[in-house]
Amino acid sequence: MVNYRSTKIDPDAWFQYASRGKDINVASSLGSVRFDPREPTRAEIMKRAESENFNPNLVSTRDEAVERILVMKRESAVTE
């Protein structure tokens, strides 16, 4: 779960930031659930999700993020 509240990512840092997150997700998690991003960050995540074909798992609140994680766990258990 990634809390983006009050987060601003410099445009020049996006590639490195996204690459590190992808590496962590592939190596040891079900994926990321992101919540409460400011509009420029939300727009950039959505743009990258579309161009790189991934689910951004972007929600507005922490409670929604927790619920999304529970859904991801249930979906993972079904496919195992």
PDB file of N, CA and C in Angstrom:
ATOM      1  N   MET A   1       0.858  -1.154   0.000  1.00  0.00           N
ATOM      2  CA  MET A   1       0.000   0.000   0.000  1.00  0.00           C
ATOM      3  C   MET A   1       0.911   1.226   0.000  1.00  0.00           C
ATOM      4  N   VAL A   2       0.619   2.139  -0.921  1.00  0.00           N
ATOM      5  CA  VAL A   2       1.429   3.350  -1.035  1.00  0.00           C
ATOM      6  C   VAL A   2       0.536   4.567  -0.802  1.00  0.00           C
ATOM      7  N   ASN A   3       0.862   5.360   0.215  1.00  0.00           N
ATOM      8  CA  ASN A   3       0.118   6.575   0.529  1.00  0.00           C
ATOM      9  C   ASN A   3       0.775   7.738  -0.212  1.00  0.00           C
ATOM     10  N   TYR A   4       0.062   8.321  -1.153  1.00  0.00           N
ATOM     11  CA  TYR A   4       0.592   9.432  -1.936  1.00  0.00           C
ATOM     12  C   TYR A   4       0.183  10.794  -1.398  1.00  0.00           C
ATOM     13  N   ARG A   5      -0.447  10.860  -0.236  1.00  0.00           N
ATOM     14  CA  ARG A   5      -0.884  12.138   0.312  1.00  0.00           C
ATOM     15  C   ARG A   5       0.298  13.103   0.388  1.00  0.00           C
ATOM     16  N   SER A   6       0.135  14.270  -0.181  1.00  0.00           N
ATOM     17  CA  SER A   6       1.138  15.342  -0.189  1.00  0.00           C
ATOM     18  C   SER A   6       2.439  14.949  -0.885  1.00  0.00           C
ATOM     19  N   THR A   7       2.395  13.929  -1.728  1.00  0.00           N
ATOM     20  CA  THR A   7       3.593  13.481  -2.440  1.00  0.00           C
ATOM     21  C   THR A   7       3.697  14.182  -3.787  1.00  0.00           C
ATOM     22  N   LYS A   8       4.880  14.642  -4.081  1.00  0.00           N
ATOM     23  CA  LYS A   8       5.157  15.201  -5.397  1.00  0.00           C
ATOM     24  C   LYS A   8       6.412  14.515  -5.921  1.00  0.00           C
ATOM     25  N   ILE A   9       6.306  13.896  -7.082  1.00  0.00           N
ATOM     26  CA  ILE A   9       7.449  13.213  -7.679  1.00  0.00           C
ATOM     27  C   ILE A   9       7.939  14.071  -8.834  1.00  0.00           C
ATOM     28  N   ASP A  10       9.192  14.454  -8.770  1.00  0.00           N
ATOM     29  CA  ASP A  10       9.788  15.273  -9.813  1.00  0.00           C
ATOM     30  C   ASP A  10       9.695  14.529 -11.145  1.00  0.00           C
ATOM     31  N   PRO A  11       9.282  15.197 -12.213  1.00  0.00           N
ATOM     32  CA  PRO A  11       9.164  14.522 -13.506  1.00  0.00           C
ATOM     33  C   PRO A  11      10.431  13.790 -13.940  1.00  0.00           C
ATOM     34  N   ASP A  12      11.597  14.319 -13.616  1.00  0.00           N
ATOM     35  CA  ASP A  12      12.847  13.663 -13.988  1.00  0.00           C
ATOM     36  C   ASP A  12      13.104  12.394 -13.180  1.00  0.00           C
ATOM     37  N   ALA A  13      12.388  12.208 -12.072  1.00  0.00           N
ATOM     38  CA  ALA A  13      12.599  11.040 -11.213  1.00  0.00           C
ATOM     39  C   ALA A  13      11.603   9.913 -11.477  1.00  0.00           C
ATOM     40  N   TRP A  14      10.598  10.145 -12.321  1.00  0.00           N
ATOM     41  CA  TRP A  14       9.545   9.155 -12.506  1.00  0.00           C
ATOM     42  C   TRP A  14      10.062   7.805 -12.981  1.00  0.00           C
ATOM     43  N   PHE A  15      10.955   7.776 -13.942  1.00  0.00           N
ATOM     44  CA  PHE A  15      11.426   6.500 -14.466  1.00  0.00           C
ATOM     45  C   PHE A  15      12.062   5.672 -13.360  1.00  0.00           C
ATOM     46  N   GLN A  16      12.989   6.254 -12.624  1.00  0.00           N
ATOM     47  CA  GLN A  16      13.670   5.548 -11.537  1.00  0.00           C
ATOM     48  C   GLN A  16      12.672   5.108 -10.465  1.00  0.00           C
ATOM     49  N   TYR A  17      11.766   6.002 -10.102  1.00  0.00           N
ATOM     50  CA  TYR A  17      10.766   5.702  -9.078  1.00  0.00           C
ATOM     51  C   TYR A  17       9.898   4.514  -9.505  1.00  0.00           C
ATOM     52  N   ALA A  18       9.382   4.571 -10.727  1.00  0.00           N
ATOM     53  CA  ALA A  18       8.499   3.514 -11.223  1.00  0.00           C
ATOM     54  C   ALA A  18       9.246   2.196 -11.401  1.00  0.00           C
ATOM     55  N   SER A  19      10.465   2.263 -11.867  1.00  0.00           N
ATOM     56  CA  SER A  19      11.264   1.056 -12.073  1.00  0.00           C
ATOM     57  C   SER A  19      11.519   0.333 -10.753  1.00  0.00           C
ATOM     58  N   ARG A  20      11.872   1.076  -9.725  1.00  0.00           N
ATOM     59  CA  ARG A  20      12.126   0.484  -8.408  1.00  0.00           C
ATOM     60  C   ARG A  20      10.850  -0.173  -7.869  1.00  0.00           C
ATOM     61  N   GLY A  21       9.724   0.508  -8.001  1.00  0.00           N
ATOM     62  CA  GLY A  21       8.459  -0.057  -7.535  1.00  0.00           C
ATOM     63  C   GLY A  21       8.090  -1.327  -8.275  1.00  0.00           C
ATOM     64  N   LYS A  22       8.303  -1.347  -9.583  1.00  0.00           N
ATOM     65  CA  LYS A  22       7.995  -2.537 -10.386  1.00  0.00           C
ATOM     66  C   LYS A  22       8.871  -3.708  -9.947  1.00  0.00           C
ATOM     67  N   ASP A  23      10.149  -3.462  -9.728  1.00  0.00           N
ATOM     68  CA  ASP A  23      11.065  -4.523  -9.294  1.00  0.00           C
ATOM     69  C   ASP A  23      10.613  -5.137  -7.970  1.00  0.00           C
ATOM     70  N   ILE A  24      10.200  -4.287  -7.036  1.00  0.00           N
ATOM     71  CA  ILE A  24       9.728  -4.779  -5.735  1.00  0.00           C
ATOM     72  C   ILE A  24       8.455  -5.601  -5.907  1.00  0.00           C
ATOM     73  N   ASN A  25       7.523  -5.110  -6.715  1.00  0.00           N
ATOM     74  CA  ASN A  25       6.265  -5.833  -6.929  1.00  0.00           C
ATOM     75  C   ASN A  25       6.505  -7.206  -7.524  1.00  0.00           C
ATOM     76  N   VAL A  26       7.344  -7.287  -8.543  1.00  0.00           N
ATOM     77  CA  VAL A  26       7.600  -8.558  -9.210  1.00  0.00           C
ATOM     78  C   VAL A  26       8.300  -9.535  -8.269  1.00  0.00           C
ATOM     79  N   ALA A  27       9.224  -9.029  -7.477  1.00  0.00           N
ATOM     80  CA  ALA A  27      10.020  -9.900  -6.609  1.00  0.00           C
ATOM     81  C   ALA A  27       9.272 -10.414  -5.386  1.00  0.00           C
ATOM     82  N   SER A  28       8.375  -9.596  -4.824  1.00  0.00           N
ATOM     83  CA  SER A  28       7.880 -10.028  -3.514  1.00  0.00           C
ATOM     84  C   SER A  28       6.496  -9.535  -3.125  1.00  0.00           C
ATOM     85  N   SER A  29       5.614  -9.297  -4.079  1.00  0.00           N
ATOM     86  CA  SER A  29       4.289  -8.859  -3.651  1.00  0.00           C
ATOM     87  C   SER A  29       3.221  -9.212  -4.676  1.00  0.00           C
ATOM     88  N   LEU A  30       1.977  -8.995  -4.287  1.00  0.00           N
ATOM     89  CA  LEU A  30       0.848  -9.165  -5.197  1.00  0.00           C
ATOM     90  C   LEU A  30       0.699  -7.967  -6.116  1.00  0.00           C
ATOM     91  N   GLY A  31       1.332  -6.866  -5.762  1.00  0.00           N
ATOM     92  CA  GLY A  31       1.217  -5.617  -6.509  1.00  0.00           C
ATOM     93  C   GLY A  31       1.074  -4.465  -5.546  1.00  0.00           C
ATOM     94  N   SER A  32       0.923  -3.282  -6.091  1.00  0.00           N
ATOM     95  CA  SER A  32       0.774  -2.082  -5.267  1.00  0.00           C
ATOM     96  C   SER A  32      -0.649  -1.574  -5.333  1.00  0.00           C
ATOM     97  N   VAL A  33      -1.107  -1.066  -4.214  1.00  0.00           N
ATOM     98  CA  VAL A  33      -2.361  -0.319  -4.162  1.00  0.00           C
ATOM     99  C   VAL A  33      -1.983   1.078  -3.730  1.00  0.00           C
ATOM    100  N   ARG A  34      -2.381   2.049  -4.533  1.00  0.00           N
ATOM    101  CA  ARG A  34      -2.004   3.442  -4.300  1.00  0.00           C
ATOM    102  C   ARG A  34      -3.235   4.223  -3.867  1.00  0.00           C
ATOM    103  N   PHE A  35      -3.058   5.109  -2.882  1.00  0.00           N
ATOM    104  CA  PHE A  35      -4.212   5.910  -2.486  1.00  0.00           C
ATOM    105  C   PHE A  35      -3.832   7.353  -2.195  1.00  0.00           C
ATOM    106  N   ASP A  36      -4.817   8.218  -2.399  1.00  0.00           N
ATOM    107  CA  ASP A  36      -4.757   9.641  -2.081  1.00  0.00           C
ATOM    108  C   ASP A  36      -3.677  10.434  -2.833  1.00  0.00           C
ATOM    109  N   PRO A  37      -3.532  10.210  -4.141  1.00  0.00           N
ATOM    110  CA  PRO A  37      -2.541  11.010  -4.871  1.00  0.00           C
ATOM    111  C   PRO A  37      -3.076  12.390  -5.230  1.00  0.00           C
ATOM    112  N   ARG A  38      -2.185  13.359  -5.300  1.00  0.00           N
ATOM    113  CA  ARG A  38      -2.547  14.672  -5.829  1.00  0.00           C
ATOM    114  C   ARG A  38      -2.770  14.520  -7.329  1.00  0.00           C
ATOM    115  N   GLU A  39      -3.476  15.451  -7.931  1.00  0.00           N
ATOM    116  CA  GLU A  39      -3.865  15.299  -9.328  1.00  0.00           C
ATOM    117  C   GLU A  39      -2.691  15.100 -10.290  1.00  0.00           C
ATOM    118  N   PRO A  40      -1.602  15.843 -10.216  1.00  0.00           N
ATOM    119  CA  PRO A  40      -0.516  15.575 -11.177  1.00  0.00           C
ATOM    120  C   PRO A  40       0.041  14.149 -11.049  1.00  0.00           C
ATOM    121  N   THR A  41       0.125  13.651  -9.824  1.00  0.00           N
ATOM    122  CA  THR A  41       0.626  12.292  -9.601  1.00  0.00           C
ATOM    123  C   THR A  41      -0.380  11.275 -10.114  1.00  0.00           C
ATOM    124  N   ARG A  42      -1.661  11.488  -9.821  1.00  0.00           N
ATOM    125  CA  ARG A  42      -2.719  10.594 -10.321  1.00  0.00           C
ATOM    126  C   ARG A  42      -2.671  10.517 -11.842  1.00  0.00           C
ATOM    127  N   ALA A  43      -2.563  11.649 -12.495  1.00  0.00           N
ATOM    128  CA  ALA A  43      -2.536  11.681 -13.962  1.00  0.00           C
ATOM    129  C   ALA A  43      -1.327  10.922 -14.510  1.00  0.00           C
ATOM    130  N   GLU A  44      -0.183  11.095 -13.891  1.00  0.00           N
ATOM    131  CA  GLU A  44       1.025  10.401 -14.353  1.00  0.00           C
ATOM    132  C   GLU A  44       0.910   8.889 -14.151  1.00  0.00           C
ATOM    133  N   ILE A  45       0.389   8.458 -13.023  1.00  0.00           N
ATOM    134  CA  ILE A  45       0.202   7.026 -12.780  1.00  0.00           C
ATOM    135  C   ILE A  45      -0.760   6.445 -13.816  1.00  0.00           C
ATOM    136  N   MET A  46      -1.855   7.128 -14.074  1.00  0.00           N
ATOM    137  CA  MET A  46      -2.832   6.641 -15.054  1.00  0.00           C
ATOM    138  C   MET A  46      -2.221   6.572 -16.453  1.00  0.00           C
ATOM    139  N   LYS A  47      -1.441   7.574 -16.818  1.00  0.00           N
ATOM    140  CA  LYS A  47      -0.788   7.590 -18.128  1.00  0.00           C
ATOM    141  C   LYS A  47       0.173   6.405 -18.262  1.00  0.00           C
ATOM    142  N   ARG A  48       0.960   6.168 -17.246  1.00  0.00           N
ATOM    143  CA  ARG A  48       1.923   5.057 -17.284  1.00  0.00           C
ATOM    144  C   ARG A  48       1.201   3.704 -17.275  1.00  0.00           C
ATOM    145  N   ALA A  49       0.137   3.592 -16.524  1.00  0.00           N
ATOM    146  CA  ALA A  49      -0.621   2.344 -16.482  1.00  0.00           C
ATOM    147  C   ALA A  49      -1.176   2.011 -17.863  1.00  0.00           C
ATOM    148  N   GLU A  50      -1.668   3.010 -18.544  1.00  0.00           N
ATOM    149  CA  GLU A  50      -2.211   2.792 -19.886  1.00  0.00           C
ATOM    150  C   GLU A  50      -1.112   2.410 -20.878  1.00  0.00           C
ATOM    151  N   SER A  51      -0.006   3.142 -20.858  1.00  0.00           N
ATOM    152  CA  SER A  51       1.053   2.879 -21.839  1.00  0.00           C
ATOM    153  C   SER A  51       1.817   1.590 -21.543  1.00  0.00           C
ATOM    154  N   GLU A  52       1.878   1.178 -20.268  1.00  0.00           N
ATOM    155  CA  GLU A  52       2.623  -0.025 -19.894  1.00  0.00           C
ATOM    156  C   GLU A  52       1.703  -1.204 -19.582  1.00  0.00           C
ATOM    157  N   ASN A  53       0.405  -1.003 -19.770  1.00  0.00           N
ATOM    158  CA  ASN A  53      -0.600  -2.049 -19.619  1.00  0.00           C
ATOM    159  C   ASN A  53      -0.561  -2.737 -18.244  1.00  0.00           C
ATOM    160  N   PHE A  54      -0.747  -1.946 -17.190  1.00  0.00           N
ATOM    161  CA  PHE A  54      -0.874  -2.523 -15.858  1.00  0.00           C
ATOM    162  C   PHE A  54      -2.027  -1.858 -15.125  1.00  0.00           C
ATOM    163  N   ASN A  55      -2.554  -2.555 -14.121  1.00  0.00           N
ATOM    164  CA  ASN A  55      -3.636  -2.028 -13.304  1.00  0.00           C
ATOM    165  C   ASN A  55      -3.027  -1.093 -12.264  1.00  0.00           C
ATOM    166  N   PRO A  56      -3.381   0.183 -12.283  1.00  0.00           N
ATOM    167  CA  PRO A  56      -2.774   1.108 -11.333  1.00  0.00           C
ATOM    168  C   PRO A  56      -3.244   0.919  -9.897  1.00  0.00           C
ATOM    169  N   ASN A  57      -4.340   0.166  -9.687  1.00  0.00           N
ATOM    170  CA  ASN A  57      -4.864  -0.030  -8.327  1.00  0.00           C
ATOM    171  C   ASN A  57      -4.859   1.286  -7.565  1.00  0.00           C
ATOM    172  N   LEU A  58      -5.498   2.259  -8.135  1.00  0.00           N
ATOM    173  CA  LEU A  58      -5.511   3.620  -7.608  1.00  0.00           C
ATOM    174  C   LEU A  58      -6.871   3.901  -6.972  1.00  0.00           C
ATOM    175  N   VAL A  59      -6.865   4.197  -5.678  1.00  0.00           N
ATOM    176  CA  VAL A  59      -8.097   4.476  -4.949  1.00  0.00           C
ATOM    177  C   VAL A  59      -7.940   5.779  -4.168  1.00  0.00           C
ATOM    178  N   SER A  60      -9.036   6.253  -3.623  1.00  0.00           N
ATOM    179  CA  SER A  60      -9.023   7.557  -2.950  1.00  0.00           C
ATOM    180  C   SER A  60      -8.650   7.513  -1.477  1.00  0.00           C
ATOM    181  N   THR A  61      -9.029   6.423  -0.800  1.00  0.00           N
ATOM    182  CA  THR A  61      -8.842   6.391   0.656  1.00  0.00           C
ATOM    183  C   THR A  61      -8.060   5.155   1.110  1.00  0.00           C
ATOM    184  N   ARG A  62      -7.566   5.224   2.334  1.00  0.00           N
ATOM    185  CA  ARG A  62      -6.853   4.090   2.921  1.00  0.00           C
ATOM    186  C   ARG A  62      -7.794   2.898   3.068  1.00  0.00           C
ATOM    187  N   ASP A  63      -9.020   3.134   3.478  1.00  0.00           N
ATOM    188  CA  ASP A  63      -9.983   2.037   3.627  1.00  0.00           C
ATOM    189  C   ASP A  63     -10.207   1.316   2.300  1.00  0.00           C
ATOM    190  N   GLU A  64     -10.317   2.079   1.216  1.00  0.00           N
ATOM    191  CA  GLU A  64     -10.464   1.462  -0.108  1.00  0.00           C
ATOM    192  C   GLU A  64      -9.212   0.665  -0.479  1.00  0.00           C
ATOM    193  N   ALA A  65      -8.044   1.157  -0.091  1.00  0.00           N
ATOM    194  CA  ALA A  65      -6.794   0.447  -0.368  1.00  0.00           C
ATOM    195  C   ALA A  65      -6.756  -0.884   0.374  1.00  0.00           C
ATOM    196  N   VAL A  66      -7.163  -0.875   1.647  1.00  0.00           N
ATOM    197  CA  VAL A  66      -7.187  -2.113   2.428  1.00  0.00           C
ATOM    198  C   VAL A  66      -8.146  -3.110   1.789  1.00  0.00           C
ATOM    199  N   GLU A  67      -9.304  -2.647   1.375  1.00  0.00           N
ATOM    200  CA  GLU A  67     -10.283  -3.540   0.725  1.00  0.00           C
ATOM    201  C   GLU A  67      -9.707  -4.105  -0.573  1.00  0.00           C
ATOM    202  N   ARG A  68      -9.029  -3.287  -1.343  1.00  0.00           N
ATOM    203  CA  ARG A  68      -8.429  -3.756  -2.603  1.00  0.00           C
ATOM    204  C   ARG A  68      -7.367  -4.821  -2.324  1.00  0.00           C
ATOM    205  N   ILE A  69      -6.586  -4.653  -1.278  1.00  0.00           N
ATOM    206  CA  ILE A  69      -5.576  -5.658  -0.915  1.00  0.00           C
ATOM    207  C   ILE A  69      -6.255  -6.979  -0.559  1.00  0.00           C
ATOM    208  N   LEU A  70      -7.346  -6.922   0.179  1.00  0.00           N
ATOM    209  CA  LEU A  70      -8.077  -8.147   0.528  1.00  0.00           C
ATOM    210  C   LEU A  70      -8.592  -8.854  -0.726  1.00  0.00           C
ATOM    211  N   VAL A  71      -9.085  -8.080  -1.686  1.00  0.00           N
ATOM    212  CA  VAL A  71      -9.546  -8.655  -2.956  1.00  0.00           C
ATOM    213  C   VAL A  71      -8.376  -9.309  -3.691  1.00  0.00           C
ATOM    214  N   MET A  72      -7.229  -8.630  -3.736  1.00  0.00           N
ATOM    215  CA  MET A  72      -6.055  -9.187  -4.407  1.00  0.00           C
ATOM    216  C   MET A  72      -5.633 -10.506  -3.751  1.00  0.00           C
ATOM    217  N   LYS A  73      -5.680 -10.578  -2.423  1.00  0.00           N
ATOM    218  CA  LYS A  73      -5.326 -11.808  -1.710  1.00  0.00           C
ATOM    219  C   LYS A  73      -6.297 -12.930  -2.059  1.00  0.00           C
ATOM    220  N   ARG A  74      -7.604 -12.609  -2.078  1.00  0.00           N
ATOM    221  CA  ARG A  74      -8.592 -13.631  -2.424  1.00  0.00           C
ATOM    222  C   ARG A  74      -8.375 -14.124  -3.852  1.00  0.00           C
ATOM    223  N   GLU A  75      -8.127 -13.204  -4.774  1.00  0.00           N
ATOM    224  CA  GLU A  75      -7.899 -13.587  -6.171  1.00  0.00           C
ATOM    225  C   GLU A  75      -6.641 -14.450  -6.302  1.00  0.00           C
ATOM    226  N   SER A  76      -5.610 -14.129  -5.545  1.00  0.00           N
ATOM    227  CA  SER A  76      -4.380 -14.901  -5.582  1.00  0.00           C
ATOM    228  C   SER A  76      -4.601 -16.311  -5.044  1.00  0.00           C
ATOM    229  N   ALA A  77      -5.376 -16.442  -3.979  1.00  0.00           N
ATOM    230  CA  ALA A  77      -5.647 -17.745  -3.381  1.00  0.00           C
ATOM    231  C   ALA A  77      -6.431 -18.637  -4.343  1.00  0.00           C
ATOM    232  N   VAL A  78      -7.297 -18.050  -5.144  1.00  0.00           N
ATOM    233  CA  VAL A  78      -8.112 -18.814  -6.098  1.00  0.00           C
ATOM    234  C   VAL A  78      -7.237 -19.349  -7.223  1.00  0.00           C
ATOM    235  N   THR A  79      -6.235 -18.598  -7.649  1.00  0.00           N
ATOM    236  CA  THR A  79      -5.411 -19.013  -8.785  1.00  0.00           C
ATOM    237  C   THR A  79      -4.281 -19.954  -8.383  1.00  0.00           C
ATOM    238  N   GLU A  80      -4.030 -20.122  -7.113  1.00  0.00           N
ATOM    239  CA  GLU A  80      -2.927 -20.990  -6.667  1.00  0.00           C
ATOM    240  C   GLU A  80      -3.320 -22.440  -6.659  1.00  0.00           C
TER     241      GLU A  80
END
